[in-house]
Amino acid sequence: MAHSTDKTALVTGANSGLGLAIAQALAAGGMRVGLVARDRARGEAALADIRRATGNPNLHLFIADLADQSAIRALARDVLAHFDALHLLINNAGTAFAERRESPQGIERALAINHLAPFLLTHLLLDRLRESAPARILNVGTRMDTAMDFADLNWERRPYRMMAAYGQSKLGNLHFTFELARRLADEDVSVNCVFPGVFRSNLGGTDGAQGLFWKLVARLLGWAIPAPEKAAQRVLHAALAEDMAAVSGQYLGDRKTIRAPAQARDPRANRRLWDISEELTGLGG
């Protein structure tokens, strides 16, 4: 993305891990960067660290609990009030829970945060992205061979399993990416899903899920776990590289397209989840 000093980016989950590494790299390149964090103290600490490391004064902190759709709507209003342009939206925030928990809207929280939050926030900011075009949307995904149970997205009819709930909610990022790319095909706004590799972060927060999650990752998947700064390079390439300007509707790994799970490759499934998501977020009316 050329002339980064003239560009504005918004990064969710920006107070630690991958989001922090991405936000700091963007700030170091001279972008105006909005950091979205759930906890004000941690967000302010991250902002101060980035400002100290990069010397970039053009940073702004937004506070929102992405499990709560009312907070997402307030966040979007705040972003639109502060940023007259938005060239890059990175939906990075993600989490996992050891036990089933519900959002204020009664939605299973992994689904609420990992899929519905980027779905809703992107919709609320889409006109500003269009006005700022060329613009890019990046959804940070994962790589698990799974399928969403459309009949029980809320995990009310089956035993709750953390890894399954996490994987299925993150698969929503791919469904959303592919369907949104089709709907934006004639516009200068691209949307891609990036798998950054697995890295150590605060996934799961302080409820005890983090340690369990990484033990399961190591045992079941055997992935190497690099530092967030290394993982961030995949996202930054998709966000900034000139050769990515015309690329949209792709599932990206390390600078190359990777194969999505079968369900996500089905346009009918993409549209079905889109319709369900509109209903769950109140956008369908």
Protein backbone atom coordinates (compact mmCIF):
# COMPACT_ATOMS: atom_id res chain seq x y z
CA MET A 1 0.00 0.00 0.00
CA ALA A 2 1.79 3.12 -1.23
CA HIS A 3 2.24 6.35 0.73
CA SER A 4 1.53 4.80 4.10
CA THR A 5 1.91 8.16 5.85
CA ASP A 6 -1.35 9.20 4.18
CA LYS A 7 -3.21 6.07 5.27
CA THR A 8 -5.33 5.10 8.25
CA ALA A 9 -5.58 1.60 9.72
CA LEU A 10 -7.72 0.05 12.44
CA VAL A 11 -6.53 -3.10 14.25
CA THR A 12 -8.69 -5.04 16.68
CA GLY A 13 -7.11 -6.94 19.55
CA ALA A 14 -4.18 -4.53 19.32
CA ASN A 15 -3.01 -4.45 22.93
CA SER A 16 -0.98 -7.69 22.85
CA GLY A 17 0.35 -10.54 20.74
CA LEU A 18 -0.23 -10.46 17.01
CA GLY A 19 -2.40 -7.33 17.08
CA LEU A 20 0.26 -5.37 18.95
CA ALA A 21 2.97 -6.51 16.53
CA ILE A 22 0.82 -5.51 13.53
CA ALA A 23 -0.13 -2.14 15.00
CA GLN A 24 3.49 -1.33 15.86
CA ALA A 25 4.69 -2.23 12.36
CA LEU A 26 2.01 -0.06 10.76
CA ALA A 27 2.85 2.82 13.09
CA ALA A 28 6.56 2.43 12.30
CA GLY A 29 5.63 2.85 8.62
CA GLY A 30 3.98 6.16 9.38
CA MET A 31 0.33 5.17 9.28
CA ARG A 32 -2.32 6.70 11.47
CA VAL A 33 -3.36 3.68 13.53
CA GLY A 34 -6.41 2.99 15.63
CA LEU A 35 -5.92 0.33 18.29
CA VAL A 36 -8.99 -1.52 19.55
CA ALA A 37 -8.66 -3.08 23.00
CA ARG A 38 -11.09 -4.43 25.56
CA ASP A 39 -9.18 -3.26 28.64
CA ARG A 40 -8.34 0.45 28.88
CA ALA A 41 -5.24 0.06 31.04
CA ARG A 42 -3.72 -2.55 28.75
CA GLY A 43 -4.69 -0.55 25.70
CA GLU A 44 -3.07 2.60 27.05
CA ALA A 45 0.08 0.67 27.89
CA ALA A 46 0.22 -0.74 24.35
CA LEU A 47 -0.33 2.67 22.80
CA ALA A 48 2.45 4.16 24.93
CA ASP A 49 4.81 1.33 24.00
CA ILE A 50 4.13 1.78 20.28
CA ARG A 51 4.52 5.54 20.48
CA ARG A 52 7.80 5.15 22.35
CA ALA A 53 9.11 2.53 19.91
CA THR A 54 8.08 4.28 16.69
CA GLY A 55 7.89 7.98 17.50
CA ASN A 56 4.53 8.06 15.73
CA PRO A 57 2.18 10.46 17.54
CA ASN A 58 -0.75 9.69 15.26
CA LEU A 59 -2.24 6.84 17.29
CA HIS A 60 -5.68 6.49 18.82
CA LEU A 61 -7.07 4.02 21.33
CA PHE A 62 -10.62 2.70 21.07
CA ILE A 63 -12.11 0.65 23.92
CA ALA A 64 -14.71 -2.02 23.17
CA ASP A 65 -15.76 -5.46 24.38
CA LEU A 66 -16.21 -7.23 21.05
CA ALA A 67 -18.47 -9.83 22.64
CA ASP A 68 -21.12 -7.13 23.06
CA GLN A 69 -22.82 -5.92 19.89
CA SER A 70 -23.88 -2.66 21.53
CA ALA A 71 -20.20 -2.00 22.27
CA ILE A 72 -19.30 -2.77 18.65
CA ARG A 73 -21.86 -0.28 17.43
CA ALA A 74 -20.49 2.33 19.83
CA LEU A 75 -16.97 1.51 18.62
CA ALA A 76 -17.98 2.04 15.00
CA ARG A 77 -19.52 5.42 15.84
CA ASP A 78 -16.33 6.41 17.66
CA VAL A 79 -14.11 5.33 14.78
CA LEU A 80 -16.23 7.21 12.24
CA ALA A 81 -16.14 10.32 14.42
CA HIS A 82 -12.35 10.23 14.80
CA PHE A 83 -11.25 8.96 11.37
CA ASP A 84 -12.37 10.78 8.24
CA ALA A 85 -10.77 8.01 6.19
CA LEU A 86 -10.11 4.31 6.68
CA HIS A 87 -7.86 2.44 4.28
CA LEU A 88 -7.11 -0.73 6.20
CA LEU A 89 -9.26 -2.76 8.60
CA ILE A 90 -7.59 -5.71 10.29
CA ASN A 91 -10.03 -7.92 12.17
CA ASN A 92 -7.49 -9.64 14.40
CA ALA A 93 -9.17 -10.11 17.80
CA GLY A 94 -9.92 -13.73 18.65
CA THR A 95 -10.37 -15.90 21.70
CA ALA A 96 -11.25 -19.34 23.05
CA PHE A 97 -13.11 -20.45 26.14
CA ALA A 98 -12.69 -23.60 28.16
CA GLU A 99 -16.40 -23.62 29.00
CA ARG A 100 -19.46 -22.38 27.16
CA ARG A 101 -20.17 -18.73 27.92
CA GLU A 102 -22.69 -16.32 26.42
CA SER A 103 -22.41 -12.75 25.20
CA PRO A 104 -24.82 -10.04 26.42
CA GLN A 105 -26.96 -10.93 23.39
CA GLY A 106 -27.11 -14.60 24.45
CA ILE A 107 -24.67 -15.80 21.78
CA GLU A 108 -21.89 -18.28 22.52
CA ARG A 109 -18.91 -16.03 23.14
CA ALA A 110 -16.36 -17.60 20.78
CA LEU A 111 -18.85 -17.21 17.93
CA ALA A 112 -19.71 -13.69 19.08
CA ILE A 113 -16.10 -12.50 19.20
CA ASN A 114 -14.40 -14.52 16.48
CA HIS A 115 -17.05 -14.30 13.75
CA LEU A 116 -19.94 -11.97 14.52
CA ALA A 117 -17.76 -9.12 15.79
CA PRO A 118 -15.77 -8.74 12.55
CA PHE A 119 -18.94 -9.33 10.54
CA LEU A 120 -20.76 -6.50 12.32
CA LEU A 121 -17.83 -4.09 12.63
CA THR A 122 -16.91 -4.46 8.96
CA HIS A 123 -20.46 -3.72 7.90
CA LEU A 124 -20.63 -0.63 10.09
CA LEU A 125 -17.35 0.72 8.69
CA LEU A 126 -17.80 -0.40 5.09
CA ASP A 127 -19.03 2.92 3.73
CA ARG A 128 -15.98 4.71 5.15
CA LEU A 129 -13.74 2.08 3.56
CA ARG A 130 -15.52 2.59 0.25
CA GLU A 131 -15.08 6.36 0.53
CA SER A 132 -11.36 5.83 1.18
CA ALA A 133 -10.75 3.33 -1.62
CA PRO A 134 -8.50 1.72 -2.52
CA ALA A 135 -8.94 -0.03 0.81
CA ARG A 136 -8.26 -3.47 2.23
CA ILE A 137 -10.02 -5.66 4.79
CA LEU A 138 -8.08 -8.50 6.39
CA ASN A 139 -9.65 -11.15 8.57
CA VAL A 140 -7.12 -13.06 10.65
CA GLY A 141 -8.10 -16.72 10.50
CA THR A 142 -6.83 -20.08 11.59
CA ARG A 143 -6.22 -23.39 9.82
CA MET A 144 -8.37 -26.27 11.01
CA ASP A 145 -10.25 -28.81 8.93
CA THR A 146 -13.74 -28.31 10.30
CA ALA A 147 -17.29 -27.32 9.38
CA MET A 148 -19.81 -25.10 11.10
CA ASP A 149 -22.96 -26.74 12.45
CA PHE A 150 -25.52 -24.25 11.14
CA ALA A 151 -28.26 -25.96 13.12
CA ASP A 152 -26.45 -25.39 16.41
CA LEU A 153 -24.06 -22.45 16.06
CA ASN A 154 -24.84 -21.50 19.66
CA TRP A 155 -23.77 -24.86 21.10
CA GLU A 156 -27.09 -25.48 22.82
CA ARG A 157 -27.76 -29.02 21.55
CA ARG A 158 -24.34 -30.67 21.85
CA PRO A 159 -21.60 -30.88 24.44
CA TYR A 160 -19.35 -27.85 24.33
CA ARG A 161 -15.73 -28.45 23.27
CA MET A 162 -13.29 -25.57 23.30
CA MET A 163 -11.22 -26.50 20.25
CA ALA A 164 -14.29 -27.33 18.19
CA ALA A 165 -16.04 -24.11 19.18
CA TYR A 166 -12.92 -22.09 18.43
CA GLY A 167 -12.31 -23.76 15.07
CA GLN A 168 -15.89 -23.47 13.91
CA SER A 169 -16.18 -19.83 14.95
CA LYS A 170 -12.95 -19.00 13.12
CA LEU A 171 -14.18 -20.84 10.04
CA GLY A 172 -16.80 -18.10 9.96
CA ASN A 173 -13.99 -15.72 8.95
CA LEU A 174 -13.54 -17.67 5.72
CA HIS A 175 -17.26 -17.85 4.94
CA PHE A 176 -17.49 -14.10 5.54
CA THR A 177 -14.38 -13.32 3.48
CA PHE A 178 -15.49 -15.27 0.44
CA GLU A 179 -19.05 -13.92 0.42
CA LEU A 180 -18.02 -10.31 1.08
CA ALA A 181 -15.41 -10.50 -1.71
CA ARG A 182 -18.13 -11.53 -4.16
CA ARG A 183 -20.32 -8.63 -3.04
CA LEU A 184 -17.42 -6.17 -3.40
CA ALA A 185 -16.23 -7.57 -6.74
CA ASP A 186 -16.91 -4.33 -8.64
CA GLU A 187 -15.45 -2.05 -5.95
CA ASP A 188 -11.93 -1.04 -5.01
CA VAL A 189 -12.16 -2.64 -1.58
CA SER A 190 -10.46 -6.02 -1.23
CA VAL A 191 -11.06 -8.59 1.49
CA ASN A 192 -8.87 -11.57 2.32
CA CYS A 193 -8.44 -14.01 5.18
CA VAL A 194 -4.88 -14.55 6.44
CA PHE A 195 -3.65 -17.51 8.43
CA PRO A 196 -0.61 -16.09 10.24
CA GLY A 197 0.57 -19.39 11.61
CA VAL A 198 0.22 -20.20 15.28
CA PHE A 199 1.99 -17.97 17.79
CA ARG A 200 1.92 -17.42 21.52
CA SER A 201 -0.61 -14.81 22.57
CA ASN A 202 -3.12 -14.10 25.31
CA LEU A 203 -5.79 -16.13 23.52
CA GLY A 204 -8.39 -17.11 26.05
CA GLY A 205 -7.59 -14.22 28.39
CA THR A 206 -7.38 -14.89 32.09
CA ASP A 207 -10.07 -17.55 32.45
CA GLY A 208 -7.64 -20.46 32.24
CA ALA A 209 -8.34 -21.31 28.60
CA GLN A 210 -4.99 -20.05 27.33
CA GLY A 211 -2.79 -22.75 28.83
CA LEU A 212 -5.24 -25.50 27.93
CA PHE A 213 -5.55 -24.17 24.38
CA TRP A 214 -1.81 -24.23 23.74
CA LYS A 215 -1.44 -27.69 25.24
CA LEU A 216 -4.11 -28.91 22.85
CA VAL A 217 -2.47 -27.12 19.92
CA ALA A 218 0.87 -28.74 20.68
CA ARG A 219 -0.59 -32.20 21.20
CA LEU A 220 -3.24 -32.33 18.47
CA LEU A 221 -1.79 -30.19 15.72
CA GLY A 222 1.94 -30.25 16.25
CA TRP A 223 2.39 -26.66 15.07
CA ALA A 224 5.56 -24.73 15.86
CA ILE A 225 4.71 -21.62 17.86
CA PRO A 226 6.76 -18.59 16.74
CA ALA A 227 6.80 -15.07 18.17
CA PRO A 228 3.94 -12.73 17.21
CA GLU A 229 6.34 -10.46 15.31
CA LYS A 230 7.14 -13.27 12.89
CA ALA A 231 3.48 -14.21 12.47
CA ALA A 232 2.66 -10.55 11.81
CA GLN A 233 4.74 -10.57 8.62
CA ARG A 234 2.12 -12.64 6.78
CA VAL A 235 -0.61 -10.19 7.69
CA LEU A 236 1.53 -7.16 6.88
CA HIS A 237 2.34 -8.53 3.43
CA ALA A 238 -1.35 -8.89 2.64
CA ALA A 239 -2.01 -5.45 4.10
CA LEU A 240 0.75 -3.47 2.43
CA ALA A 241 2.33 -5.23 -0.53
CA GLU A 242 1.68 -3.64 -3.90
CA ASP A 243 1.32 -7.06 -5.52
CA MET A 244 -1.66 -7.70 -3.22
CA ALA A 245 -3.60 -4.63 -4.36
CA ALA A 246 -5.84 -6.54 -6.77
CA VAL A 247 -6.07 -9.75 -4.73
CA SER A 248 -9.42 -10.40 -3.06
CA GLY A 249 -11.46 -13.32 -1.82
CA GLN A 250 -8.42 -15.42 -0.95
CA TYR A 251 -7.31 -17.56 1.97
CA LEU A 252 -3.66 -16.68 2.43
CA GLY A 253 -0.82 -18.36 4.25
CA ASP A 254 2.82 -17.42 3.89
CA ARG A 255 2.47 -15.18 0.81
CA LYS A 256 0.49 -17.80 -1.06
CA THR A 257 -3.08 -19.03 -1.35
CA ILE A 258 -3.97 -22.05 0.75
CA ARG A 259 -6.92 -24.41 0.41
CA ALA A 260 -9.93 -23.69 2.60
CA PRO A 261 -11.99 -26.43 4.26
CA ALA A 262 -14.67 -27.87 1.99
CA GLN A 263 -17.63 -26.16 3.63
CA ALA A 264 -16.06 -22.70 3.23
CA ARG A 265 -15.54 -23.36 -0.50
CA ASP A 266 -19.31 -23.78 -0.99
CA PRO A 267 -20.91 -20.45 -2.00
CA ARG A 268 -24.28 -21.68 -0.75
CA ALA A 269 -22.80 -22.25 2.70
CA ASN A 270 -21.18 -18.81 2.56
CA ARG A 271 -24.54 -17.20 1.84
CA ARG A 272 -26.29 -19.28 4.49
CA LEU A 273 -23.93 -18.13 7.21
CA TRP A 274 -24.19 -14.56 5.91
CA ASP A 275 -27.98 -14.68 6.28
CA ILE A 276 -27.73 -16.19 9.78
CA SER A 277 -25.15 -13.59 10.76
CA GLU A 278 -27.35 -10.75 9.53
CA GLU A 279 -30.14 -12.07 11.73
CA LEU A 280 -27.90 -12.50 14.78
CA THR A 281 -26.48 -8.99 14.45
CA GLY A 282 -29.71 -7.22 13.54
CA LEU A 283 -28.42 -6.22 10.11
CA GLY A 284 -30.99 -8.20 8.18
CA GLY A 285 -33.84 -5.81 8.83
